[in-house]
C-alpha atoms as a PDB file:
ATOM      1  CA  UNK A   1     133.179 115.339 121.723  1.00  0.00           C
ATOM      2  CA  UNK A   2     133.181 115.340 125.379  1.00  0.00           C
ATOM      3  CA  UNK A   3     133.091 111.639 125.498  1.00  0.00           C
ATOM      4  CA  UNK A   4     135.304 112.437 122.974  1.00  0.00           C
ATOM      5  CA  UNK A   5     138.175 114.219 124.516  1.00  0.00           C
ATOM      6  CA  UNK A   6     140.623 115.787 121.924  1.00  0.00           C
ATOM      7  CA  UNK A   7     143.881 116.572 121.601  1.00  0.00           C
ATOM      8  CA  UNK A   8     145.791 115.695 118.596  1.00  0.00           C
ATOM      9  CA  UNK A   9     143.426 115.977 115.732  1.00  0.00           C
ATOM     10  CA  UNK A  10     139.936 116.078 115.160  1.00  0.00           C
ATOM     11  CA  UNK A  11     136.700 117.281 116.114  1.00  0.00           C
ATOM     12  CA  UNK A  12     133.546 115.544 114.609  1.00  0.00           C
ATOM     13  CA  UNK A  13     130.444 116.915 115.817  1.00  0.00           C
ATOM     14  CA  UNK A  14     129.434 120.077 116.925  1.00  0.00           C
ATOM     15  CA  UNK A  15     125.497 119.812 116.579  1.00  0.00           C
ATOM     16  CA  UNK A  16     124.009 116.097 116.264  1.00  0.00           C
ATOM     17  CA  UNK A  17     120.750 115.270 115.090  1.00  0.00           C
ATOM     18  CA  UNK A  18     118.915 112.257 116.659  1.00  0.00           C
ATOM     19  CA  UNK A  19     118.116 109.874 113.449  1.00  0.00           C
ATOM     20  CA  UNK A  20     117.749 106.324 112.998  1.00  0.00           C
ATOM     21  CA  UNK A  21     118.567 104.337 109.972  1.00  0.00           C
ATOM     22  CA  UNK A  22     120.378 106.414 107.292  1.00  0.00           C
ATOM     23  CA  UNK A  23     118.846 107.378 103.974  1.00  0.00           C
ATOM     24  CA  UNK A  24     119.497 105.265 100.868  1.00  0.00           C
ATOM     25  CA  UNK A  25     123.398 104.843 100.106  1.00  0.00           C
ATOM     26  CA  UNK A  26     123.336 107.886  97.619  1.00  0.00           C
ATOM     27  CA  UNK A  27     123.716 111.382  98.879  1.00  0.00           C
ATOM     28  CA  UNK A  28     120.444 113.583  98.394  1.00  0.00           C
ATOM     29  CA  UNK A  29     120.840 115.947  95.759  1.00  0.00           C
ATOM     30  CA  UNK A  30     121.659 119.081  98.245  1.00  0.00           C
ATOM     31  CA  UNK A  31     124.156 116.946 100.015  1.00  0.00           C
ATOM     32  CA  UNK A  32     126.007 116.007  96.966  1.00  0.00           C
ATOM     33  CA  UNK A  33     126.067 119.643  95.750  1.00  0.00           C
ATOM     34  CA  UNK A  34     127.340 120.788  98.901  1.00  0.00           C
ATOM     35  CA  UNK A  35     129.609 117.997  99.903  1.00  0.00           C
ATOM     36  CA  UNK A  36     132.661 118.517  97.526  1.00  0.00           C
ATOM     37  CA  UNK A  37     132.630 122.359  98.421  1.00  0.00           C
ATOM     38  CA  UNK A  38     131.874 122.098 102.034  1.00  0.00           C
ATOM     39  CA  UNK A  39     133.448 119.038 103.164  1.00  0.00           C
ATOM     40  CA  UNK A  40     136.952 120.262 103.135  1.00  0.00           C
ATOM     41  CA  UNK A  41     135.892 122.612 106.141  1.00  0.00           C
ATOM     42  CA  UNK A  42     133.354 120.682 108.161  1.00  0.00           C
ATOM     43  CA  UNK A  43     133.933 117.360 107.068  1.00  0.00           C
ATOM     44  CA  UNK A  44     137.783 117.557 107.689  1.00  0.00           C
ATOM     45  CA  UNK A  45     136.638 118.035 110.958  1.00  0.00           C
ATOM     46  CA  UNK A  46     136.791 121.429 112.122  1.00  0.00           C
ATOM     47  CA  UNK A  47     135.230 121.493 115.429  1.00  0.00           C
ATOM     48  CA  UNK A  48     136.223 123.953 118.082  1.00  0.00           C
ATOM     49  CA  UNK A  49     139.682 123.255 119.277  1.00  0.00           C
ATOM     50  CA  UNK A  50     141.077 122.928 122.768  1.00  0.00           C
ATOM     51  CA  UNK A  51     143.237 125.999 122.510  1.00  0.00           C
ATOM     52  CA  UNK A  52     146.574 125.494 124.524  1.00  0.00           C
ATOM     53  CA  UNK A  53     145.268 122.227 125.955  1.00  0.00           C
ATOM     54  CA  UNK A  54     147.921 119.787 124.010  1.00  0.00           C
ATOM     55  CA  UNK A  55     150.775 122.316 124.718  1.00  0.00           C
ATOM     56  CA  UNK A  56     150.149 122.302 128.381  1.00  0.00           C
ATOM     57  CA  UNK A  57     149.650 118.918 128.647  1.00  0.00           C
ATOM     58  CA  UNK A  58     152.497 118.331 126.549  1.00  0.00           C
ATOM     59  CA  UNK A  59     150.468 115.488 124.706  1.00  0.00           C
ATOM     60  CA  UNK A  60     150.887 114.902 121.054  1.00  0.00           C
ATOM     61  CA  UNK A  61     148.839 112.754 118.817  1.00  0.00           C
ATOM     62  CA  UNK A  62     150.864 110.434 116.935  1.00  0.00           C
ATOM     63  CA  UNK A  63     151.189 111.447 113.056  1.00  0.00           C
ATOM     64  CA  UNK A  64     151.203 108.595 110.371  1.00  0.00           C
ATOM     65  CA  UNK A  65     154.709 106.885 109.695  1.00  0.00           C
ATOM     66  CA  UNK A  66     155.976 107.352 106.232  1.00  0.00           C
ATOM     67  CA  UNK A  67     155.900 103.544 105.899  1.00  0.00           C
ATOM     68  CA  UNK A  68     152.053 103.363 106.986  1.00  0.00           C
ATOM     69  CA  UNK A  69     150.861 105.622 103.906  1.00  0.00           C
ATOM     70  CA  UNK A  70     150.140 102.114 101.943  1.00  0.00           C
ATOM     71  CA  UNK A  71     147.033 102.302  99.509  1.00  0.00           C
ATOM     72  CA  UNK A  72     143.836 103.650  99.395  1.00  0.00           C
ATOM     73  CA  UNK A  73     142.472 100.208  98.702  1.00  0.00           C
ATOM     74  CA  UNK A  74     143.295  96.463  98.240  1.00  0.00           C
ATOM     75  CA  UNK A  75     145.474  95.854  94.802  1.00  0.00           C
ATOM     76  CA  UNK A  76     142.756  93.541  93.655  1.00  0.00           C
ATOM     77  CA  UNK A  77     139.547  94.458  95.041  1.00  0.00           C
ATOM     78  CA  UNK A  78     137.363  91.191  95.852  1.00  0.00           C
ATOM     79  CA  UNK A  79     133.535  90.985  95.990  1.00  0.00           C
ATOM     80  CA  UNK A  80     132.871  90.376  99.817  1.00  0.00           C
ATOM     81  CA  UNK A  81     130.197  92.744 100.918  1.00  0.00           C
ATOM     82  CA  UNK A  82     127.262  92.707 103.460  1.00  0.00           C
ATOM     83  CA  UNK A  83     123.889  93.902 103.160  1.00  0.00           C
ATOM     84  CA  UNK A  84     122.838  97.658 104.378  1.00  0.00           C
ATOM     85  CA  UNK A  85     122.589  97.633 108.315  1.00  0.00           C
ATOM     86  CA  UNK A  86     123.342 100.435 110.401  1.00  0.00           C
ATOM     87  CA  UNK A  87     126.550 100.225 112.454  1.00  0.00           C
ATOM     88  CA  UNK A  88     126.271 100.214 116.211  1.00  0.00           C
ATOM     89  CA  UNK A  89     129.924 100.079 117.390  1.00  0.00           C
ATOM     90  CA  UNK A  90     133.586 100.061 116.404  1.00  0.00           C
ATOM     91  CA  UNK A  91     136.597  98.178 117.595  1.00  0.00           C
ATOM     92  CA  UNK A  92     140.152  99.103 116.847  1.00  0.00           C
ATOM     93  CA  UNK A  93     142.203  96.768 119.045  1.00  0.00           C
ATOM     94  CA  UNK A  94     145.923  98.162 117.942  1.00  0.00           C
ATOM     95  CA  UNK A  95     144.976 101.561 119.517  1.00  0.00           C
ATOM     96  CA  UNK A  96     142.654 100.475 122.259  1.00  0.00           C
ATOM     97  CA  UNK A  97     139.654 102.057 120.656  1.00  0.00           C
ATOM     98  CA  UNK A  98     135.998 100.721 121.473  1.00  0.00           C
ATOM     99  CA  UNK A  99     133.275 103.133 121.064  1.00  0.00           C
ATOM    100  CA  UNK A 100     129.686 103.209 120.301  1.00  0.00           C
ATOM    101  CA  UNK A 101     128.792 104.865 116.721  1.00  0.00           C
ATOM    102  CA  UNK A 102     126.579 107.903 116.603  1.00  0.00           C
ATOM    103  CA  UNK A 103     124.938 108.961 113.149  1.00  0.00           C
ATOM    104  CA  UNK A 104     125.794 112.177 111.955  1.00  0.00           C
ATOM    105  CA  UNK A 105     124.322 114.003 108.979  1.00  0.00           C
ATOM    106  CA  UNK A 106     124.617 117.522 107.475  1.00  0.00           C
ATOM    107  CA  UNK A 107     124.115 120.656 109.267  1.00  0.00           C
ATOM    108  CA  UNK A 108     121.495 123.231 107.644  1.00  0.00           C
ATOM    109  CA  UNK A 109     124.416 125.040 105.699  1.00  0.00           C
ATOM    110  CA  UNK A 110     125.527 121.507 104.071  1.00  0.00           C
ATOM    111  CA  UNK A 111     128.452 121.009 106.122  1.00  0.00           C
ATOM    112  CA  UNK A 112     128.864 117.895 107.728  1.00  0.00           C
ATOM    113  CA  UNK A 113     128.161 117.575 111.693  1.00  0.00           C
ATOM    114  CA  UNK A 114     130.613 116.318 114.150  1.00  0.00           C
ATOM    115  CA  UNK A 115     129.741 114.717 117.684  1.00  0.00           C
ATOM    116  CA  UNK A 116     129.355 117.377 120.194  1.00  0.00           C
ATOM    117  CA  UNK A 117     132.715 118.051 121.572  1.00  0.00           C
ATOM    118  CA  UNK A 118     131.364 118.694 125.238  1.00  0.00           C
ATOM    119  CA  UNK A 119     129.285 115.455 125.458  1.00  0.00           C
ATOM    120  CA  UNK A 120     130.833 113.073 122.929  1.00  0.00           C
ATOM    121  CA  UNK A 121     134.331 113.669 122.421  1.00  0.00           C
ATOM    122  CA  UNK A 122     134.902 109.984 123.211  1.00  0.00           C
ATOM    123  CA  UNK A 123     132.776 108.541 120.910  1.00  0.00           C
ATOM    124  CA  UNK A 124     132.946 107.964 117.166  1.00  0.00           C
ATOM    125  CA  UNK A 125     130.370 108.848 114.373  1.00  0.00           C
ATOM    126  CA  UNK A 126     129.139 107.137 111.214  1.00  0.00           C
ATOM    127  CA  UNK A 127     128.410 109.640 108.481  1.00  0.00           C
ATOM    128  CA  UNK A 128     124.902 108.422 107.741  1.00  0.00           C
ATOM    129  CA  UNK A 129     124.771 109.419 104.057  1.00  0.00           C
ATOM    130  CA  UNK A 130     127.685 106.873 103.425  1.00  0.00           C
ATOM    131  CA  UNK A 131     127.113 103.326 103.034  1.00  0.00           C
ATOM    132  CA  UNK A 132     126.623 101.259 105.781  1.00  0.00           C
ATOM    133  CA  UNK A 133     130.108  99.322 106.851  1.00  0.00           C
ATOM    134  CA  UNK A 134     130.506  96.209 104.668  1.00  0.00           C
ATOM    135  CA  UNK A 135     128.494  97.564 101.615  1.00  0.00           C
ATOM    136  CA  UNK A 136     130.000  97.950  98.333  1.00  0.00           C
ATOM    137  CA  UNK A 137     131.132 101.776  98.521  1.00  0.00           C
ATOM    138  CA  UNK A 138     132.915 104.072 101.036  1.00  0.00           C
ATOM    139  CA  UNK A 139     131.612 103.928 104.728  1.00  0.00           C
ATOM    140  CA  UNK A 140     132.900 107.107 106.642  1.00  0.00           C
ATOM    141  CA  UNK A 141     133.442 106.971 110.558  1.00  0.00           C
ATOM    142  CA  UNK A 142     134.730 110.225 112.146  1.00  0.00           C
ATOM    143  CA  UNK A 143     135.801 111.282 115.572  1.00  0.00           C
ATOM    144  CA  UNK A 144     137.646 113.839 117.612  1.00  0.00           C
ATOM    145  CA  UNK A 145     141.302 113.791 118.257  1.00  0.00           C
ATOM    146  CA  UNK A 146     141.227 115.466 121.529  1.00  0.00           C
ATOM    147  CA  UNK A 147     139.188 118.071 123.615  1.00  0.00           C
ATOM    148  CA  UNK A 148     139.363 120.627 126.331  1.00  0.00           C
ATOM    149  CA  UNK A 149     140.306 117.756 128.791  1.00  0.00           C
ATOM    150  CA  UNK A 150     142.662 115.454 126.912  1.00  0.00           C
ATOM    151  CA  UNK A 151     142.880 112.941 124.400  1.00  0.00           C
ATOM    152  CA  UNK A 152     139.463 111.930 122.475  1.00  0.00           C
ATOM    153  CA  UNK A 153     138.349 108.675 120.910  1.00  0.00           C
ATOM    154  CA  UNK A 154     140.429 108.825 117.807  1.00  0.00           C
ATOM    155  CA  UNK A 155     143.666 110.422 119.536  1.00  0.00           C
ATOM    156  CA  UNK A 156     145.995 107.501 118.319  1.00  0.00           C
ATOM    157  CA  UNK A 157     144.362 106.891 115.074  1.00  0.00           C
ATOM    158  CA  UNK A 158     147.698 107.996 113.363  1.00  0.00           C
ATOM    159  CA  UNK A 159     149.674 105.315 114.886  1.00  0.00           C
ATOM    160  CA  UNK A 160     147.518 102.640 112.839  1.00  0.00           C
ATOM    161  CA  UNK A 161     149.560 100.502 110.307  1.00  0.00           C
ATOM    162  CA  UNK A 162     148.395  98.532 106.965  1.00  0.00           C
ATOM    163  CA  UNK A 163     147.111  95.284 108.473  1.00  0.00           C
ATOM    164  CA  UNK A 164     145.458  96.591 111.517  1.00  0.00           C
ATOM    165  CA  UNK A 165     142.115  95.361 112.046  1.00  0.00           C
ATOM    166  CA  UNK A 166     138.834  97.306 112.428  1.00  0.00           C
ATOM    167  CA  UNK A 167     135.709  95.795 113.215  1.00  0.00           C
ATOM    168  CA  UNK A 168     132.260  97.351 113.362  1.00  0.00           C
ATOM    169  CA  UNK A 169     128.980  95.651 114.825  1.00  0.00           C
ATOM    170  CA  UNK A 170     126.135  96.170 112.863  1.00  0.00           C
ATOM    171  CA  UNK A 171     122.472  96.308 113.890  1.00  0.00           C
ATOM    172  CA  UNK A 172     121.600  92.961 112.288  1.00  0.00           C
ATOM    173  CA  UNK A 173     124.055  91.074 114.646  1.00  0.00           C
ATOM    174  CA  UNK A 174     126.962  90.968 111.948  1.00  0.00           C
ATOM    175  CA  UNK A 175     130.499  92.024 112.468  1.00  0.00           C
ATOM    176  CA  UNK A 176     132.263  93.425 109.724  1.00  0.00           C
ATOM    177  CA  UNK A 177     135.943  92.937 109.635  1.00  0.00           C
ATOM    178  CA  UNK A 178     138.073  95.542 107.927  1.00  0.00           C
ATOM    179  CA  UNK A 179     141.897  95.417 107.288  1.00  0.00           C
ATOM    180  CA  UNK A 180     143.616  98.727 107.073  1.00  0.00           C
ATOM    181  CA  UNK A 181     145.593  99.405 103.807  1.00  0.00           C
ATOM    182  CA  UNK A 182     146.753 102.759 104.376  1.00  0.00           C
ATOM    183  CA  UNK A 183     146.996 105.521 107.028  1.00  0.00           C
ATOM    184  CA  UNK A 184     147.710 109.262 105.467  1.00  0.00           C
ATOM    185  CA  UNK A 185     147.780 112.768 106.628  1.00  0.00           C
ATOM    186  CA  UNK A 186     146.456 115.607 104.377  1.00  0.00           C
ATOM    187  CA  UNK A 187     146.402 119.277 105.007  1.00  0.00           C
ATOM    188  CA  UNK A 188     142.985 120.528 105.249  1.00  0.00           C
ATOM    189  CA  UNK A 189     143.456 122.828 102.076  1.00  0.00           C
ATOM    190  CA  UNK A 190     143.950 120.000  99.934  1.00  0.00           C
ATOM    191  CA  UNK A 191     141.764 117.255 101.542  1.00  0.00           C
ATOM    192  CA  UNK A 192     140.707 114.617  99.177  1.00  0.00           C
ATOM    193  CA  UNK A 193     136.914 115.008  99.422  1.00  0.00           C
ATOM    194  CA  UNK A 194     136.212 112.916  96.320  1.00  0.00           C
ATOM    195  CA  UNK A 195     138.604 110.284  97.207  1.00  0.00           C
ATOM    196  CA  UNK A 196     137.295 109.919 100.823  1.00  0.00           C
ATOM    197  CA  UNK A 197     133.666 110.293 100.461  1.00  0.00           C
ATOM    198  CA  UNK A 198     133.261 109.107  96.837  1.00  0.00           C
ATOM    199  CA  UNK A 199     131.989 105.554  95.454  1.00  0.00           C
ATOM    200  CA  UNK A 200     134.243 102.648  95.476  1.00  0.00           C
ATOM    201  CA  UNK A 201     133.626  99.136  93.610  1.00  0.00           C
ATOM    202  CA  UNK A 202     134.307  97.268  96.895  1.00  0.00           C
ATOM    203  CA  UNK A 203     133.600  97.350 100.496  1.00  0.00           C
ATOM    204  CA  UNK A 204     135.842 100.292 101.788  1.00  0.00           C
ATOM    205  CA  UNK A 205     135.862 102.102 105.112  1.00  0.00           C
ATOM    206  CA  UNK A 206     137.433 105.484 105.846  1.00  0.00           C
ATOM    207  CA  UNK A 207     138.185 106.691 109.250  1.00  0.00           C
ATOM    208  CA  UNK A 208     138.981 110.379 109.932  1.00  0.00           C
ATOM    209  CA  UNK A 209     140.121 112.569 112.321  1.00  0.00           C
ATOM    210  CA  UNK A 210     141.985 116.155 112.718  1.00  0.00           C
ATOM    211  CA  UNK A 211     145.779 116.085 112.722  1.00  0.00           C
ATOM    212  CA  UNK A 212     148.827 117.846 111.793  1.00  0.00           C
ATOM    213  CA  UNK A 213     149.572 121.221 113.339  1.00  0.00           C
ATOM    214  CA  UNK A 214     147.278 123.016 115.819  1.00  0.00           C
ATOM    215  CA  UNK A 215     146.482 126.848 114.907  1.00  0.00           C
ATOM    216  CA  UNK A 216     146.120 128.917 117.898  1.00  0.00           C
ATOM    217  CA  UNK A 217     144.777 131.646 115.720  1.00  0.00           C
ATOM    218  CA  UNK A 218     141.919 129.604 114.027  1.00  0.00           C
ATOM    219  CA  UNK A 219     141.328 127.213 116.760  1.00  0.00           C
ATOM    220  CA  UNK A 220     141.589 124.284 114.519  1.00  0.00           C
ATOM    221  CA  UNK A 221     144.079 121.544 113.144  1.00  0.00           C
ATOM    222  CA  UNK A 222     145.623 122.293 110.035  1.00  0.00           C
ATOM    223  CA  UNK A 223     145.443 118.659 108.751  1.00  0.00           C
ATOM    224  CA  UNK A 224     143.222 115.535 108.946  1.00  0.00           C
ATOM    225  CA  UNK A 225     144.215 111.993 109.323  1.00  0.00           C
ATOM    226  CA  UNK A 226     142.587 109.494 107.144  1.00  0.00           C
ATOM    227  CA  UNK A 227     142.567 105.385 107.473  1.00  0.00           C
ATOM    228  CA  UNK A 228     141.696 103.673 104.580  1.00  0.00           C
ATOM    229  CA  UNK A 229     140.665  99.886 105.275  1.00  0.00           C
ATOM    230  CA  UNK A 230     138.567  97.308 102.936  1.00  0.00           C
ATOM    231  CA  UNK A 231     136.223  94.374 103.933  1.00  0.00           C
ATOM    232  CA  UNK A 232     138.043  91.193 104.490  1.00  0.00           C
ATOM    233  CA  UNK A 233     135.392  89.160 106.326  1.00  0.00           C
ATOM    234  CA  UNK A 234     132.400  89.147 108.652  1.00  0.00           C
ATOM    235  CA  UNK A 235     130.829  87.212 111.186  1.00  0.00           C
ATOM    236  CA  UNK A 236     127.782  86.765 113.702  1.00  0.00           C
ATOM    237  CA  UNK A 237     128.217  89.013 116.989  1.00  0.00           C
ATOM    238  CA  UNK A 238     126.796  88.949 120.199  1.00  0.00           C
ATOM    239  CA  UNK A 239     124.691  92.125 120.870  1.00  0.00           C
ATOM    240  CA  UNK A 240     123.526  92.333 124.367  1.00  0.00           C
END
Protein backbone atom coordinates (compact mmCIF):
# COMPACT_ATOMS: atom_id res chain seq x y z
CA UNK A 1 0.00 0.00 0.00
CA UNK A 2 1.52 3.18 -1.02
CA UNK A 3 0.10 5.02 1.70
CA UNK A 4 1.06 1.73 3.12
CA UNK A 5 4.81 1.70 2.96
CA UNK A 6 5.86 -1.80 3.85
CA UNK A 7 9.00 -3.15 5.31
CA UNK A 8 8.56 -5.75 7.88
CA UNK A 9 5.63 -7.83 7.23
CA UNK A 10 2.50 -7.44 5.22
CA UNK A 11 0.97 -6.42 2.04
CA UNK A 12 -2.74 -6.06 2.10
CA UNK A 13 -4.43 -5.10 -1.17
CA UNK A 14 -3.33 -5.50 -4.71
CA UNK A 15 -6.77 -4.74 -6.06
CA UNK A 16 -9.41 -2.84 -4.24
CA UNK A 17 -13.06 -2.64 -5.30
CA UNK A 18 -14.97 0.37 -4.12
CA UNK A 19 -17.86 -0.66 -1.99
CA UNK A 20 -19.87 0.80 0.81
CA UNK A 21 -21.46 -1.33 3.46
CA UNK A 22 -20.37 -4.93 3.60
CA UNK A 23 -22.78 -7.77 2.95
CA UNK A 24 -24.32 -9.66 5.89
CA UNK A 25 -21.91 -11.04 8.49
CA UNK A 26 -21.99 -14.53 7.05
CA UNK A 27 -19.71 -15.14 4.08
CA UNK A 28 -21.38 -15.80 0.75
CA UNK A 29 -21.29 -19.47 -0.16
CA UNK A 30 -18.49 -19.00 -2.63
CA UNK A 31 -16.41 -17.03 -0.17
CA UNK A 32 -16.84 -19.66 2.54
CA UNK A 33 -15.74 -22.40 0.20
CA UNK A 34 -12.73 -20.56 -1.08
CA UNK A 35 -11.60 -18.89 2.13
CA UNK A 36 -10.15 -21.91 3.91
CA UNK A 37 -8.07 -23.00 0.94
CA UNK A 38 -6.97 -19.63 -0.34
CA UNK A 39 -6.74 -17.43 2.70
CA UNK A 40 -3.38 -18.86 3.67
CA UNK A 41 -2.04 -17.44 0.42
CA UNK A 42 -3.65 -14.07 -0.19
CA UNK A 43 -5.36 -13.46 3.09
CA UNK A 44 -2.13 -14.01 4.91
CA UNK A 45 -1.26 -10.95 3.03
CA UNK A 46 1.00 -11.90 0.27
CA UNK A 47 1.21 -8.77 -1.84
CA UNK A 48 4.21 -7.92 -3.95
CA UNK A 49 7.20 -7.49 -1.67
CA UNK A 50 9.69 -4.67 -1.61
CA UNK A 51 12.68 -6.75 -2.56
CA UNK A 52 15.83 -5.59 -0.92
CA UNK A 53 14.36 -2.46 0.67
CA UNK A 54 14.47 -3.73 4.24
CA UNK A 55 17.99 -5.06 3.75
CA UNK A 56 19.29 -1.86 2.21
CA UNK A 57 17.60 0.34 4.76
CA UNK A 58 18.48 -2.01 7.62
CA UNK A 59 14.97 -1.63 8.94
CA UNK A 60 13.33 -4.61 10.53
CA UNK A 61 9.77 -4.77 11.73
CA UNK A 62 9.57 -5.94 15.35
CA UNK A 63 8.52 -9.55 15.92
CA UNK A 64 6.07 -10.42 18.69
CA UNK A 65 7.80 -11.09 22.01
CA UNK A 66 7.26 -14.52 23.54
CA UNK A 67 5.64 -12.90 26.56
CA UNK A 68 3.13 -11.16 24.28
CA UNK A 69 1.61 -14.41 22.98
CA UNK A 70 -1.18 -14.14 25.54
CA UNK A 71 -4.50 -15.65 24.50
CA UNK A 72 -6.70 -15.48 21.41
CA UNK A 73 -9.58 -14.22 23.52
CA UNK A 74 -10.68 -13.27 27.03
CA UNK A 75 -10.69 -16.01 29.67
CA UNK A 76 -14.37 -15.46 30.34
CA UNK A 77 -16.03 -13.73 27.38
CA UNK A 78 -18.57 -11.16 28.45
CA UNK A 79 -21.40 -9.82 26.41
CA UNK A 80 -20.50 -6.25 25.37
CA UNK A 81 -21.32 -5.77 21.73
CA UNK A 82 -22.43 -3.14 19.26
CA UNK A 83 -24.88 -3.07 16.40
CA UNK A 84 -23.61 -3.42 12.85
CA UNK A 85 -21.96 -0.25 11.55
CA UNK A 86 -19.19 0.06 8.97
CA UNK A 87 -15.77 1.00 10.41
CA UNK A 88 -14.25 4.30 9.34
CA UNK A 89 -10.85 4.41 11.02
CA UNK A 90 -8.53 2.61 13.45
CA UNK A 91 -6.24 4.04 16.14
CA UNK A 92 -3.53 2.07 17.96
CA UNK A 93 -1.81 4.57 20.29
CA UNK A 94 0.94 2.23 21.53
CA UNK A 95 2.50 2.04 18.06
CA UNK A 96 1.44 5.41 16.69
CA UNK A 97 -1.08 4.09 14.16
CA UNK A 98 -3.98 6.24 13.05
CA UNK A 99 -5.47 5.20 9.74
CA UNK A 100 -8.68 5.42 7.77
CA UNK A 101 -10.09 2.01 6.93
CA UNK A 102 -10.52 0.83 3.37
CA UNK A 103 -13.01 -1.97 2.74
CA UNK A 104 -11.74 -5.05 0.98
CA UNK A 105 -13.42 -8.17 -0.24
CA UNK A 106 -12.39 -11.03 -2.51
CA UNK A 107 -10.62 -11.23 -5.85
CA UNK A 108 -12.33 -13.09 -8.71
CA UNK A 109 -10.38 -16.24 -7.80
CA UNK A 110 -11.66 -16.13 -4.23
CA UNK A 111 -8.46 -14.84 -2.62
CA UNK A 112 -8.51 -11.92 -0.21
CA UNK A 113 -7.89 -8.48 -1.62
CA UNK A 114 -5.25 -6.25 -0.07
CA UNK A 115 -4.70 -2.47 -0.23
CA UNK A 116 -2.88 -1.30 -3.31
CA UNK A 117 0.80 -1.30 -2.40
CA UNK A 118 1.54 1.69 -4.61
CA UNK A 119 -1.26 3.94 -3.37
CA UNK A 120 -2.46 2.62 -0.01
CA UNK A 121 0.49 1.18 1.89
CA UNK A 122 -0.13 3.59 4.74
CA UNK A 123 -3.79 2.66 5.14
CA UNK A 124 -5.38 -0.30 6.88
CA UNK A 125 -8.35 -2.21 5.52
CA UNK A 126 -11.39 -3.91 7.02
CA UNK A 127 -12.28 -7.28 5.49
CA UNK A 128 -15.89 -6.55 4.56
CA UNK A 129 -17.04 -10.18 4.78
CA UNK A 130 -16.23 -10.22 8.48
CA UNK A 131 -18.50 -8.66 11.10
CA UNK A 132 -18.12 -4.96 11.76
CA UNK A 133 -15.90 -4.18 14.78
CA UNK A 134 -17.93 -4.50 17.96
CA UNK A 135 -20.42 -7.07 16.68
CA UNK A 136 -20.37 -10.56 18.11
CA UNK A 137 -17.92 -12.45 15.93
CA UNK A 138 -14.46 -11.83 14.49
CA UNK A 139 -13.85 -8.50 12.76
CA UNK A 140 -10.68 -8.52 10.64
CA UNK A 141 -8.41 -5.58 9.80
CA UNK A 142 -5.34 -6.02 7.59
CA UNK A 143 -2.50 -3.82 6.39
CA UNK A 144 0.96 -3.86 4.87
CA UNK A 145 4.09 -4.00 6.97
CA UNK A 146 6.27 -2.18 4.44
CA UNK A 147 6.56 -1.00 0.84
CA UNK A 148 9.24 -0.14 -1.67
CA UNK A 149 9.79 3.16 0.10
CA UNK A 150 9.85 2.10 3.74
CA UNK A 151 7.68 1.08 6.70
CA UNK A 152 3.95 0.78 6.07
CA UNK A 153 0.92 1.24 8.30
CA UNK A 154 1.50 -1.90 10.41
CA UNK A 155 5.29 -1.88 10.50
CA UNK A 156 5.29 -1.95 14.32
CA UNK A 157 2.29 -4.23 14.83
CA UNK A 158 4.51 -6.94 16.30
CA UNK A 159 5.52 -4.58 19.12
CA UNK A 160 2.06 -4.64 20.71
CA UNK A 161 1.43 -6.41 24.01
CA UNK A 162 -1.64 -7.68 25.87
CA UNK A 163 -3.46 -4.75 27.41
CA UNK A 164 -2.73 -2.30 24.61
CA UNK A 165 -5.73 -0.45 23.25
CA UNK A 166 -7.20 -0.43 19.75
CA UNK A 167 -9.98 2.04 18.93
CA UNK A 168 -12.17 1.62 15.87
CA UNK A 169 -14.44 4.50 14.88
CA UNK A 170 -17.71 3.45 13.24
CA UNK A 171 -20.05 5.17 10.80
CA UNK A 172 -22.78 5.52 13.44
CA UNK A 173 -20.44 7.76 15.48
CA UNK A 174 -19.59 5.10 18.01
CA UNK A 175 -16.03 4.12 18.91
CA UNK A 176 -15.42 0.45 19.68
CA UNK A 177 -12.66 0.08 22.27
CA UNK A 178 -10.68 -3.17 22.14
CA UNK A 179 -7.94 -4.52 24.41
CA UNK A 180 -5.20 -6.73 23.00
CA UNK A 181 -5.20 -10.22 24.50
CA UNK A 182 -2.35 -11.72 22.48
CA UNK A 183 0.15 -11.09 19.69
CA UNK A 184 1.45 -14.05 17.70
CA UNK A 185 3.43 -14.90 14.58
CA UNK A 186 2.48 -17.78 12.29
CA UNK A 187 4.26 -19.16 9.26
CA UNK A 188 2.07 -18.83 6.22
CA UNK A 189 2.20 -22.58 5.71
CA UNK A 190 0.50 -22.98 9.08
CA UNK A 191 -1.70 -19.91 9.14
CA UNK A 192 -4.76 -20.67 11.35
CA UNK A 193 -7.35 -19.43 8.88
CA UNK A 194 -10.35 -20.82 10.72
CA UNK A 195 -9.27 -19.36 14.04
CA UNK A 196 -8.59 -15.94 12.55
CA UNK A 197 -11.66 -15.67 10.35
CA UNK A 198 -14.03 -18.04 12.10
CA UNK A 199 -16.96 -17.10 14.30
CA UNK A 200 -16.54 -16.27 18.00
CA UNK A 201 -19.12 -15.93 20.77
CA UNK A 202 -17.88 -12.48 21.76
CA UNK A 203 -16.95 -9.24 19.98
CA UNK A 204 -13.41 -9.90 18.79
CA UNK A 205 -10.91 -8.17 16.55
CA UNK A 206 -8.00 -9.62 14.59
CA UNK A 207 -5.36 -7.31 13.09
CA UNK A 208 -3.11 -8.98 10.53
CA UNK A 209 0.08 -8.09 8.65
CA UNK A 210 3.12 -9.85 7.22
CA UNK A 211 6.16 -10.70 9.30
CA UNK A 212 9.10 -13.01 9.84
CA UNK A 213 11.74 -13.62 7.18
CA UNK A 214 11.52 -12.01 3.77
CA UNK A 215 12.10 -14.42 0.88
CA UNK A 216 13.96 -12.66 -1.93
CA UNK A 217 13.13 -15.50 -4.31
CA UNK A 218 9.35 -15.40 -3.95
CA UNK A 219 9.13 -11.75 -2.98
CA UNK A 220 7.00 -12.53 0.07
CA UNK A 221 7.34 -12.69 3.83
CA UNK A 222 7.22 -16.21 5.20
CA UNK A 223 5.05 -15.42 8.21
CA UNK A 224 2.14 -13.31 9.39
CA UNK A 225 1.74 -11.33 12.60
CA UNK A 226 -1.72 -11.51 14.16
CA UNK A 227 -3.00 -9.36 17.01
CA UNK A 228 -5.98 -10.71 18.95
CA UNK A 229 -8.23 -8.26 20.80
CA UNK A 230 -11.67 -8.19 22.39
CA UNK A 231 -14.24 -5.43 22.88
CA UNK A 232 -14.16 -3.91 26.38
CA UNK A 233 -16.21 -0.73 25.98
CA UNK A 234 -17.61 1.82 23.55
CA UNK A 235 -18.48 5.49 23.43
CA UNK A 236 -19.74 8.27 21.22
CA UNK A 237 -17.14 9.70 18.89
CA UNK A 238 -16.84 13.02 17.11
CA UNK A 239 -16.70 12.57 13.34
CA UNK A 240 -15.95 15.70 11.37
